[in-house]
């Protein structure tokens, strides 16, 4: 599954990361712009 940051466009890809997006801590932020998990949208 992929998740896109609505602020900067960064894409978090579960396939290439060690931790699935849903398992990231609630205080995790986008590594590019610092947006919170709430700013991410699941991609189809």
Protein backbone atom coordinates (compact mmCIF):
# COMPACT_ATOMS: atom_id res chain seq x y z
CA UNK A 1 0.00 0.00 0.00
CA UNK A 2 1.16 3.54 -0.71
CA UNK A 3 0.30 6.74 1.14
CA UNK A 4 0.81 10.25 -0.24
CA UNK A 5 1.50 13.38 1.79
CA UNK A 6 -1.12 15.98 0.88
CA UNK A 7 1.31 18.78 1.75
CA UNK A 8 4.46 17.97 -0.25
CA UNK A 9 3.60 14.91 -2.33
CA UNK A 10 6.01 12.50 -0.60
CA UNK A 11 4.90 8.88 -1.09
CA UNK A 12 5.37 6.34 1.70
CA UNK A 13 5.49 2.87 0.15
CA UNK A 14 4.94 -0.08 2.51
CA UNK A 15 6.79 -2.33 0.05
CA UNK A 16 10.07 -0.41 0.32
CA UNK A 17 9.93 0.59 4.01
CA UNK A 18 10.63 -1.58 7.06
CA UNK A 19 7.46 -0.48 8.87
CA UNK A 20 3.97 -0.45 7.42
CA UNK A 21 2.36 3.00 7.44
CA UNK A 22 -0.46 1.90 9.76
CA UNK A 23 2.13 0.63 12.27
CA UNK A 24 4.08 3.91 12.43
CA UNK A 25 3.77 5.75 15.77
CA UNK A 26 1.14 8.49 15.94
CA UNK A 27 3.88 11.12 16.39
CA UNK A 28 5.60 10.10 13.12
CA UNK A 29 5.94 12.96 10.64
CA UNK A 30 6.69 13.23 6.92
CA UNK A 31 10.48 13.12 6.45
CA UNK A 32 10.27 15.85 3.80
CA UNK A 33 7.91 18.49 5.20
CA UNK A 34 7.10 17.40 8.76
CA UNK A 35 3.37 16.87 8.17
CA UNK A 36 1.57 14.49 10.54
CA UNK A 37 0.11 11.10 9.56
CA UNK A 38 -3.31 12.76 9.26
CA UNK A 39 -2.02 14.66 6.20
CA UNK A 40 -1.51 11.41 4.25
CA UNK A 41 -4.01 9.84 1.85
CA UNK A 42 -4.06 6.16 0.90
CA UNK A 43 -3.40 5.63 -2.82
CA UNK A 44 -5.16 2.95 -4.88
